Amino acid sequence: MRIFAALLALLLCSSADAAPPAVYMEAVRIMVPRERYDAMIEGMYRPLIAEAEAKSKAKMPPESVEALKKAAQSSMSYDELLAWTADVYQRHFTPQEMKQLVAFYRSPLGVKLEKEQPRVFGEVMRKVADTVPPRMEATLRKQEQVKKTP
């Protein structure tokens, strides 16, 4: 009985670490193209460059920029991002649903969505960035006025 329990535990542990099935990886490669990964990496190190340049009031040397880029890339490889993403999708979608997603992303509309989505998201985020901070400031001012009112 102990041997059976040990084997069962070993099987459960090894299946938890197993790579997601191919259909998940196929879909994730379509949904997270290399260009999106590159943009994510840039989004991680560019703010650090801007901050350093603002503090020093000088352009960061190219070799320092390259070092930051390599550090960001080494913190999360493209393959790791794909595996993590596929693992999450595996918890929320069946293999059949993933096949349907692959079919969609390979359709003309899916290709257009993949092409336009970063621009659409960028426009939405600009709207959020333009709208939300002034509203937050107004709300905070109102809260301060309420505190001061007897």
N, C-alpha and C. Protein backbone atom coordinates (compact mmCIF):
# COMPACT_ATOMS: atom_id res chain seq x y z
N MET A 1 0.82 -1.20 0.00
CA MET A 1 0.00 0.00 0.00
C MET A 1 0.86 1.25 0.00
N ARG A 2 1.95 1.24 0.79
CA ARG A 2 2.84 2.39 0.83
C ARG A 2 3.50 2.62 -0.52
N ILE A 3 3.87 1.54 -1.20
CA ILE A 3 4.49 1.67 -2.51
C ILE A 3 3.49 2.31 -3.48
N PHE A 4 2.23 1.88 -3.44
CA PHE A 4 1.21 2.46 -4.31
C PHE A 4 1.04 3.95 -4.02
N ALA A 5 0.99 4.33 -2.76
CA ALA A 5 0.84 5.74 -2.39
C ALA A 5 2.04 6.56 -2.85
N ALA A 6 3.24 5.99 -2.70
CA ALA A 6 4.45 6.70 -3.14
C ALA A 6 4.45 6.87 -4.65
N LEU A 7 4.06 5.83 -5.38
CA LEU A 7 3.99 5.93 -6.84
C LEU A 7 2.94 6.96 -7.28
N LEU A 8 1.81 6.97 -6.61
CA LEU A 8 0.76 7.93 -6.92
C LEU A 8 1.26 9.36 -6.67
N ALA A 9 1.92 9.56 -5.55
CA ALA A 9 2.46 10.89 -5.24
C ALA A 9 3.49 11.30 -6.28
N LEU A 10 4.35 10.37 -6.69
CA LEU A 10 5.36 10.66 -7.70
C LEU A 10 4.71 11.03 -9.03
N LEU A 11 3.68 10.29 -9.42
CA LEU A 11 2.97 10.60 -10.66
C LEU A 11 2.32 11.97 -10.61
N LEU A 12 1.69 12.29 -9.48
CA LEU A 12 1.04 13.59 -9.34
C LEU A 12 2.05 14.72 -9.39
N CYS A 13 3.18 14.55 -8.74
CA CYS A 13 4.21 15.59 -8.76
C CYS A 13 4.79 15.75 -10.14
N SER A 14 5.04 14.66 -10.83
CA SER A 14 5.66 14.78 -12.15
C SER A 14 4.69 15.36 -13.16
N SER A 15 3.39 15.07 -13.03
CA SER A 15 2.43 15.64 -13.98
C SER A 15 2.23 17.12 -13.74
N ALA A 16 2.41 17.58 -12.50
CA ALA A 16 2.26 19.01 -12.22
C ALA A 16 3.38 19.81 -12.87
N ASP A 17 4.57 19.19 -13.01
CA ASP A 17 5.70 19.87 -13.61
C ASP A 17 5.79 19.64 -15.11
N ALA A 18 4.93 18.80 -15.66
CA ALA A 18 4.99 18.47 -17.08
C ALA A 18 4.63 19.68 -17.93
N ALA A 19 5.21 19.70 -19.11
CA ALA A 19 4.92 20.80 -20.04
C ALA A 19 3.47 20.71 -20.49
N PRO A 20 2.85 21.86 -20.73
CA PRO A 20 1.47 21.84 -21.20
C PRO A 20 1.37 21.13 -22.55
N PRO A 21 0.23 20.52 -22.85
CA PRO A 21 0.07 19.85 -24.14
C PRO A 21 0.33 20.81 -25.32
N ALA A 22 0.68 20.24 -26.44
CA ALA A 22 1.09 21.00 -27.62
C ALA A 22 0.05 22.02 -28.06
N VAL A 23 -1.24 21.70 -27.94
CA VAL A 23 -2.27 22.63 -28.40
C VAL A 23 -2.22 23.95 -27.62
N TYR A 24 -1.87 23.88 -26.36
CA TYR A 24 -1.76 25.10 -25.56
C TYR A 24 -0.56 25.92 -26.01
N MET A 25 0.56 25.25 -26.23
CA MET A 25 1.75 25.96 -26.69
C MET A 25 1.53 26.56 -28.08
N GLU A 26 0.84 25.83 -28.94
CA GLU A 26 0.56 26.35 -30.29
C GLU A 26 -0.27 27.63 -30.20
N ALA A 27 -1.30 27.61 -29.40
CA ALA A 27 -2.17 28.78 -29.26
C ALA A 27 -1.41 29.95 -28.64
N VAL A 28 -0.63 29.67 -27.61
CA VAL A 28 0.10 30.73 -26.92
C VAL A 28 1.14 31.36 -27.84
N ARG A 29 1.79 30.56 -28.67
CA ARG A 29 2.77 31.13 -29.63
C ARG A 29 2.08 32.11 -30.58
N ILE A 30 0.84 31.84 -30.92
CA ILE A 30 0.09 32.76 -31.79
C ILE A 30 -0.31 34.01 -31.01
N MET A 31 -0.79 33.82 -29.78
CA MET A 31 -1.31 34.93 -28.98
C MET A 31 -0.20 35.80 -28.39
N VAL A 32 0.97 35.23 -28.19
CA VAL A 32 2.09 35.99 -27.62
C VAL A 32 3.27 35.86 -28.58
N PRO A 33 3.21 36.59 -29.68
CA PRO A 33 4.32 36.50 -30.63
C PRO A 33 5.61 37.08 -30.04
N ARG A 34 6.70 36.73 -30.63
CA ARG A 34 8.02 37.18 -30.14
C ARG A 34 8.07 38.71 -30.02
N GLU A 35 7.42 39.40 -30.95
CA GLU A 35 7.41 40.88 -30.91
C GLU A 35 6.77 41.39 -29.63
N ARG A 36 5.73 40.72 -29.15
CA ARG A 36 5.07 41.14 -27.92
C ARG A 36 6.00 40.91 -26.72
N TYR A 37 6.69 39.80 -26.72
CA TYR A 37 7.68 39.54 -25.67
C TYR A 37 8.75 40.64 -25.69
N ASP A 38 9.27 40.95 -26.88
CA ASP A 38 10.29 41.99 -26.98
C ASP A 38 9.78 43.31 -26.44
N ALA A 39 8.52 43.64 -26.72
CA ALA A 39 7.93 44.88 -26.21
C ALA A 39 7.79 44.84 -24.69
N MET A 40 7.46 43.67 -24.14
CA MET A 40 7.36 43.53 -22.68
C MET A 40 8.72 43.75 -22.04
N ILE A 41 9.74 43.17 -22.64
CA ILE A 41 11.10 43.32 -22.11
C ILE A 41 11.50 44.79 -22.16
N GLU A 42 11.21 45.44 -23.27
CA GLU A 42 11.53 46.86 -23.40
C GLU A 42 10.78 47.67 -22.35
N GLY A 43 9.55 47.30 -22.09
CA GLY A 43 8.76 47.98 -21.08
C GLY A 43 9.33 47.80 -19.67
N MET A 44 10.14 46.76 -19.48
CA MET A 44 10.75 46.53 -18.18
C MET A 44 12.01 47.38 -17.99
N TYR A 45 12.81 47.53 -19.06
CA TYR A 45 14.07 48.24 -18.85
C TYR A 45 14.06 49.70 -19.29
N ARG A 46 13.20 50.10 -20.19
CA ARG A 46 13.17 51.50 -20.64
C ARG A 46 12.88 52.49 -19.50
N PRO A 47 11.93 52.20 -18.61
CA PRO A 47 11.70 53.14 -17.50
C PRO A 47 12.93 53.31 -16.60
N LEU A 48 13.71 52.24 -16.45
CA LEU A 48 14.94 52.34 -15.66
C LEU A 48 15.94 53.28 -16.32
N ILE A 49 16.01 53.21 -17.64
CA ILE A 49 16.90 54.09 -18.39
C ILE A 49 16.43 55.54 -18.24
N ALA A 50 15.14 55.75 -18.43
CA ALA A 50 14.60 57.12 -18.32
C ALA A 50 14.87 57.70 -16.93
N GLU A 51 14.67 56.89 -15.91
CA GLU A 51 14.90 57.34 -14.54
C GLU A 51 16.37 57.68 -14.31
N ALA A 52 17.27 56.81 -14.79
CA ALA A 52 18.71 57.05 -14.61
C ALA A 52 19.14 58.30 -15.37
N GLU A 53 18.61 58.48 -16.57
CA GLU A 53 18.97 59.65 -17.37
C GLU A 53 18.43 60.93 -16.74
N ALA A 54 17.25 60.85 -16.16
CA ALA A 54 16.68 62.03 -15.49
C ALA A 54 17.51 62.41 -14.27
N LYS A 55 17.96 61.42 -13.51
CA LYS A 55 18.76 61.70 -12.32
C LYS A 55 20.13 62.27 -12.68
N SER A 56 20.75 61.68 -13.72
CA SER A 56 22.11 62.11 -14.08
C SER A 56 22.13 63.27 -15.06
N LYS A 57 20.95 63.56 -15.64
CA LYS A 57 20.83 64.61 -16.66
C LYS A 57 21.79 64.36 -17.83
N ALA A 58 22.00 63.08 -18.14
CA ALA A 58 22.87 62.70 -19.26
C ALA A 58 22.34 61.40 -19.87
N LYS A 59 22.63 61.22 -21.15
CA LYS A 59 22.23 59.99 -21.83
C LYS A 59 23.02 58.82 -21.26
N MET A 60 22.35 57.71 -21.10
CA MET A 60 23.01 56.51 -20.61
C MET A 60 23.87 55.95 -21.74
N PRO A 61 25.08 55.52 -21.44
CA PRO A 61 25.94 54.95 -22.49
C PRO A 61 25.29 53.71 -23.12
N PRO A 62 25.51 53.51 -24.43
CA PRO A 62 24.89 52.36 -25.12
C PRO A 62 25.21 51.02 -24.46
N GLU A 63 26.42 50.86 -23.93
CA GLU A 63 26.77 49.58 -23.31
C GLU A 63 25.96 49.36 -22.03
N SER A 64 25.61 50.43 -21.33
CA SER A 64 24.77 50.31 -20.13
C SER A 64 23.34 49.97 -20.51
N VAL A 65 22.86 50.58 -21.60
CA VAL A 65 21.52 50.26 -22.10
C VAL A 65 21.46 48.79 -22.49
N GLU A 66 22.47 48.32 -23.18
CA GLU A 66 22.51 46.92 -23.60
C GLU A 66 22.58 45.98 -22.40
N ALA A 67 23.31 46.38 -21.36
CA ALA A 67 23.39 45.56 -20.15
C ALA A 67 22.03 45.45 -19.47
N LEU A 68 21.28 46.56 -19.42
CA LEU A 68 19.94 46.52 -18.83
C LEU A 68 19.01 45.63 -19.65
N LYS A 69 19.12 45.74 -20.97
CA LYS A 69 18.29 44.91 -21.85
C LYS A 69 18.58 43.43 -21.61
N LYS A 70 19.85 43.08 -21.54
CA LYS A 70 20.22 41.67 -21.32
C LYS A 70 19.76 41.19 -19.94
N ALA A 71 19.83 42.06 -18.95
CA ALA A 71 19.36 41.69 -17.62
C ALA A 71 17.86 41.41 -17.63
N ALA A 72 17.10 42.26 -18.34
CA ALA A 72 15.65 42.04 -18.44
C ALA A 72 15.36 40.75 -19.17
N GLN A 73 16.08 40.50 -20.27
CA GLN A 73 15.86 39.27 -21.04
C GLN A 73 16.22 38.03 -20.21
N SER A 74 17.26 38.13 -19.41
CA SER A 74 17.66 36.96 -18.62
C SER A 74 16.71 36.72 -17.45
N SER A 75 15.93 37.74 -17.08
CA SER A 75 14.98 37.56 -15.98
C SER A 75 13.75 36.77 -16.40
N MET A 76 13.48 36.74 -17.70
CA MET A 76 12.32 35.99 -18.20
C MET A 76 12.54 35.71 -19.69
N SER A 77 12.82 34.47 -20.02
CA SER A 77 13.02 34.13 -21.43
C SER A 77 11.67 34.03 -22.14
N TYR A 78 11.73 34.11 -23.44
CA TYR A 78 10.50 33.98 -24.25
C TYR A 78 9.87 32.61 -24.00
N ASP A 79 10.69 31.58 -23.96
CA ASP A 79 10.16 30.23 -23.74
C ASP A 79 9.50 30.10 -22.36
N GLU A 80 10.08 30.75 -21.34
CA GLU A 80 9.45 30.73 -20.01
C GLU A 80 8.10 31.41 -20.04
N LEU A 81 8.04 32.57 -20.68
CA LEU A 81 6.77 33.30 -20.77
C LEU A 81 5.72 32.44 -21.46
N LEU A 82 6.10 31.78 -22.55
CA LEU A 82 5.16 30.91 -23.25
C LEU A 82 4.69 29.77 -22.36
N ALA A 83 5.61 29.14 -21.66
CA ALA A 83 5.24 28.02 -20.79
C ALA A 83 4.32 28.48 -19.66
N TRP A 84 4.64 29.62 -19.04
CA TRP A 84 3.80 30.14 -17.97
C TRP A 84 2.40 30.46 -18.49
N THR A 85 2.35 31.09 -19.65
CA THR A 85 1.07 31.48 -20.24
C THR A 85 0.26 30.24 -20.60
N ALA A 86 0.91 29.26 -21.21
CA ALA A 86 0.21 28.02 -21.58
C ALA A 86 -0.32 27.31 -20.34
N ASP A 87 0.46 27.32 -19.28
CA ASP A 87 0.03 26.69 -18.03
C ASP A 87 -1.24 27.34 -17.50
N VAL A 88 -1.29 28.66 -17.54
CA VAL A 88 -2.48 29.37 -17.06
C VAL A 88 -3.68 29.07 -17.97
N TYR A 89 -3.47 29.12 -19.28
CA TYR A 89 -4.58 28.81 -20.20
C TYR A 89 -5.07 27.39 -19.98
N GLN A 90 -4.17 26.47 -19.66
CA GLN A 90 -4.57 25.08 -19.44
C GLN A 90 -5.52 24.96 -18.26
N ARG A 91 -5.40 25.84 -17.30
CA ARG A 91 -6.31 25.81 -16.14
C ARG A 91 -7.67 26.41 -16.46
N HIS A 92 -7.78 27.16 -17.53
CA HIS A 92 -9.04 27.87 -17.83
C HIS A 92 -9.73 27.41 -19.11
N PHE A 93 -9.02 26.72 -19.99
CA PHE A 93 -9.59 26.32 -21.28
C PHE A 93 -9.30 24.85 -21.55
N THR A 94 -10.26 24.19 -22.17
CA THR A 94 -10.07 22.79 -22.56
C THR A 94 -9.22 22.74 -23.83
N PRO A 95 -8.65 21.55 -24.13
CA PRO A 95 -7.91 21.43 -25.39
C PRO A 95 -8.77 21.77 -26.61
N GLN A 96 -10.04 21.39 -26.58
CA GLN A 96 -10.93 21.71 -27.71
C GLN A 96 -11.11 23.22 -27.86
N GLU A 97 -11.26 23.92 -26.75
CA GLU A 97 -11.38 25.38 -26.81
C GLU A 97 -10.10 26.02 -27.35
N MET A 98 -8.97 25.44 -26.97
CA MET A 98 -7.70 25.97 -27.48
C MET A 98 -7.60 25.76 -28.98
N LYS A 99 -8.07 24.62 -29.46
CA LYS A 99 -8.08 24.39 -30.92
C LYS A 99 -8.95 25.44 -31.62
N GLN A 100 -10.08 25.78 -30.99
CA GLN A 100 -10.95 26.82 -31.56
C GLN A 100 -10.25 28.18 -31.56
N LEU A 101 -9.50 28.48 -30.49
CA LEU A 101 -8.75 29.73 -30.45
C LEU A 101 -7.67 29.77 -31.54
N VAL A 102 -6.99 28.64 -31.74
CA VAL A 102 -5.99 28.58 -32.81
C VAL A 102 -6.65 28.85 -34.15
N ALA A 103 -7.79 28.22 -34.38
CA ALA A 103 -8.51 28.44 -35.66
C ALA A 103 -8.89 29.91 -35.80
N PHE A 104 -9.36 30.52 -34.72
CA PHE A 104 -9.73 31.94 -34.78
C PHE A 104 -8.51 32.80 -35.09
N TYR A 105 -7.43 32.61 -34.36
CA TYR A 105 -6.25 33.45 -34.56
C TYR A 105 -5.61 33.26 -35.93
N ARG A 106 -5.90 32.15 -36.59
CA ARG A 106 -5.40 31.93 -37.95
C ARG A 106 -6.37 32.46 -39.00
N SER A 107 -7.58 32.84 -38.58
CA SER A 107 -8.56 33.39 -39.52
C SER A 107 -8.18 34.83 -39.86
N PRO A 108 -8.75 35.40 -40.92
CA PRO A 108 -8.44 36.80 -41.25
C PRO A 108 -8.75 37.76 -40.10
N LEU A 109 -9.86 37.56 -39.40
CA LEU A 109 -10.19 38.44 -38.28
C LEU A 109 -9.19 38.25 -37.13
N GLY A 110 -8.80 37.03 -36.86
CA GLY A 110 -7.82 36.78 -35.81
C GLY A 110 -6.47 37.40 -36.13
N VAL A 111 -6.06 37.34 -37.39
CA VAL A 111 -4.80 37.96 -37.81
C VAL A 111 -4.90 39.47 -37.64
N LYS A 112 -6.05 40.04 -38.02
CA LYS A 112 -6.24 41.48 -37.85
C LYS A 112 -6.23 41.86 -36.37
N LEU A 113 -6.91 41.08 -35.55
CA LEU A 113 -6.93 41.35 -34.11
C LEU A 113 -5.51 41.35 -33.55
N GLU A 114 -4.73 40.36 -33.93
CA GLU A 114 -3.35 40.26 -33.44
C GLU A 114 -2.54 41.47 -33.87
N LYS A 115 -2.78 41.94 -35.07
CA LYS A 115 -2.04 43.10 -35.59
C LYS A 115 -2.48 44.39 -34.90
N GLU A 116 -3.77 44.57 -34.72
CA GLU A 116 -4.33 45.82 -34.20
C GLU A 116 -4.37 45.90 -32.68
N GLN A 117 -4.37 44.77 -32.01
CA GLN A 117 -4.56 44.76 -30.56
C GLN A 117 -3.55 45.64 -29.81
N PRO A 118 -2.27 45.61 -30.14
CA PRO A 118 -1.35 46.50 -29.41
C PRO A 118 -1.70 47.99 -29.59
N ARG A 119 -2.10 48.37 -30.79
CA ARG A 119 -2.49 49.78 -31.02
C ARG A 119 -3.77 50.13 -30.27
N VAL A 120 -4.74 49.23 -30.31
CA VAL A 120 -5.99 49.47 -29.60
C VAL A 120 -5.72 49.60 -28.11
N PHE A 121 -4.94 48.68 -27.57
CA PHE A 121 -4.61 48.73 -26.15
C PHE A 121 -3.87 50.01 -25.81
N GLY A 122 -2.95 50.41 -26.68
CA GLY A 122 -2.20 51.65 -26.47
C GLY A 122 -3.12 52.86 -26.41
N GLU A 123 -4.09 52.91 -27.31
CA GLU A 123 -5.05 54.03 -27.31
C GLU A 123 -5.89 54.04 -26.05
N VAL A 124 -6.32 52.86 -25.62
CA VAL A 124 -7.12 52.78 -24.39
C VAL A 124 -6.28 53.24 -23.20
N MET A 125 -5.03 52.79 -23.14
CA MET A 125 -4.17 53.17 -22.01
C MET A 125 -3.88 54.67 -22.02
N ARG A 126 -3.74 55.27 -23.19
CA ARG A 126 -3.55 56.73 -23.24
C ARG A 126 -4.78 57.44 -22.69
N LYS A 127 -5.96 56.95 -23.05
CA LYS A 127 -7.20 57.53 -22.54
C LYS A 127 -7.27 57.39 -21.01
N VAL A 128 -6.91 56.22 -20.53
CA VAL A 128 -6.90 55.99 -19.08
C VAL A 128 -5.90 56.94 -18.41
N ALA A 129 -4.70 57.05 -18.99
CA ALA A 129 -3.66 57.91 -18.41
C ALA A 129 -4.06 59.38 -18.43
N ASP A 130 -4.81 59.79 -19.44
CA ASP A 130 -5.26 61.19 -19.53
C ASP A 130 -6.44 61.48 -18.60
N THR A 131 -7.26 60.49 -18.35
CA THR A 131 -8.51 60.69 -17.63
C THR A 131 -8.41 60.40 -16.13
N VAL A 132 -7.78 59.29 -15.78
CA VAL A 132 -7.83 58.83 -14.40
C VAL A 132 -7.06 59.72 -13.42
N PRO A 133 -5.82 60.12 -13.70
CA PRO A 133 -5.12 60.95 -12.70
C PRO A 133 -5.85 62.24 -12.33
N PRO A 134 -6.37 63.02 -13.29
CA PRO A 134 -7.11 64.21 -12.87
C PRO A 134 -8.35 63.88 -12.03
N ARG A 135 -9.01 62.80 -12.34
CA ARG A 135 -10.16 62.40 -11.54
C ARG A 135 -9.75 62.00 -10.14
N MET A 136 -8.62 61.29 -10.04
CA MET A 136 -8.13 60.90 -8.72
C MET A 136 -7.78 62.14 -7.89
N GLU A 137 -7.12 63.09 -8.53
CA GLU A 137 -6.77 64.33 -7.82
C GLU A 137 -8.02 65.06 -7.34
N ALA A 138 -9.04 65.13 -8.18
CA ALA A 138 -10.29 65.79 -7.79
C ALA A 138 -10.93 65.06 -6.61
N THR A 139 -10.93 63.74 -6.66
CA THR A 139 -11.50 62.96 -5.57
C THR A 139 -10.72 63.18 -4.28
N LEU A 140 -9.40 63.19 -4.37
CA LEU A 140 -8.59 63.43 -3.18
C LEU A 140 -8.83 64.83 -2.61
N ARG A 141 -8.98 65.84 -3.48
CA ARG A 141 -9.29 67.20 -3.00
C ARG A 141 -10.62 67.22 -2.28
N LYS A 142 -11.62 66.53 -2.84
CA LYS A 142 -12.94 66.47 -2.19
C LYS A 142 -12.83 65.80 -0.83
N GLN A 143 -12.05 64.72 -0.75
CA GLN A 143 -11.89 64.01 0.52
C GLN A 143 -11.24 64.91 1.56
N GLU A 144 -10.26 65.71 1.14
CA GLU A 144 -9.59 66.63 2.05
C GLU A 144 -10.58 67.70 2.53
N GLN A 145 -11.43 68.19 1.63
CA GLN A 145 -12.43 69.20 2.01
C GLN A 145 -13.42 68.62 3.02
N VAL A 146 -13.82 67.37 2.81
CA VAL A 146 -14.75 66.73 3.74
C VAL A 146 -14.11 66.60 5.11
N LYS A 147 -12.83 66.26 5.15
CA LYS A 147 -12.13 66.14 6.43
C LYS A 147 -12.08 67.49 7.17
N LYS A 148 -11.94 68.58 6.44
CA LYS A 148 -11.82 69.91 7.03
C LYS A 148 -13.16 70.47 7.46
N THR A 149 -14.24 69.96 6.89
CA THR A 149 -15.57 70.46 7.20
C THR A 149 -16.01 69.93 8.57
N PRO A 150 -16.43 70.85 9.48
CA PRO A 150 -16.85 70.40 10.84
C PRO A 150 -18.14 69.63 10.82
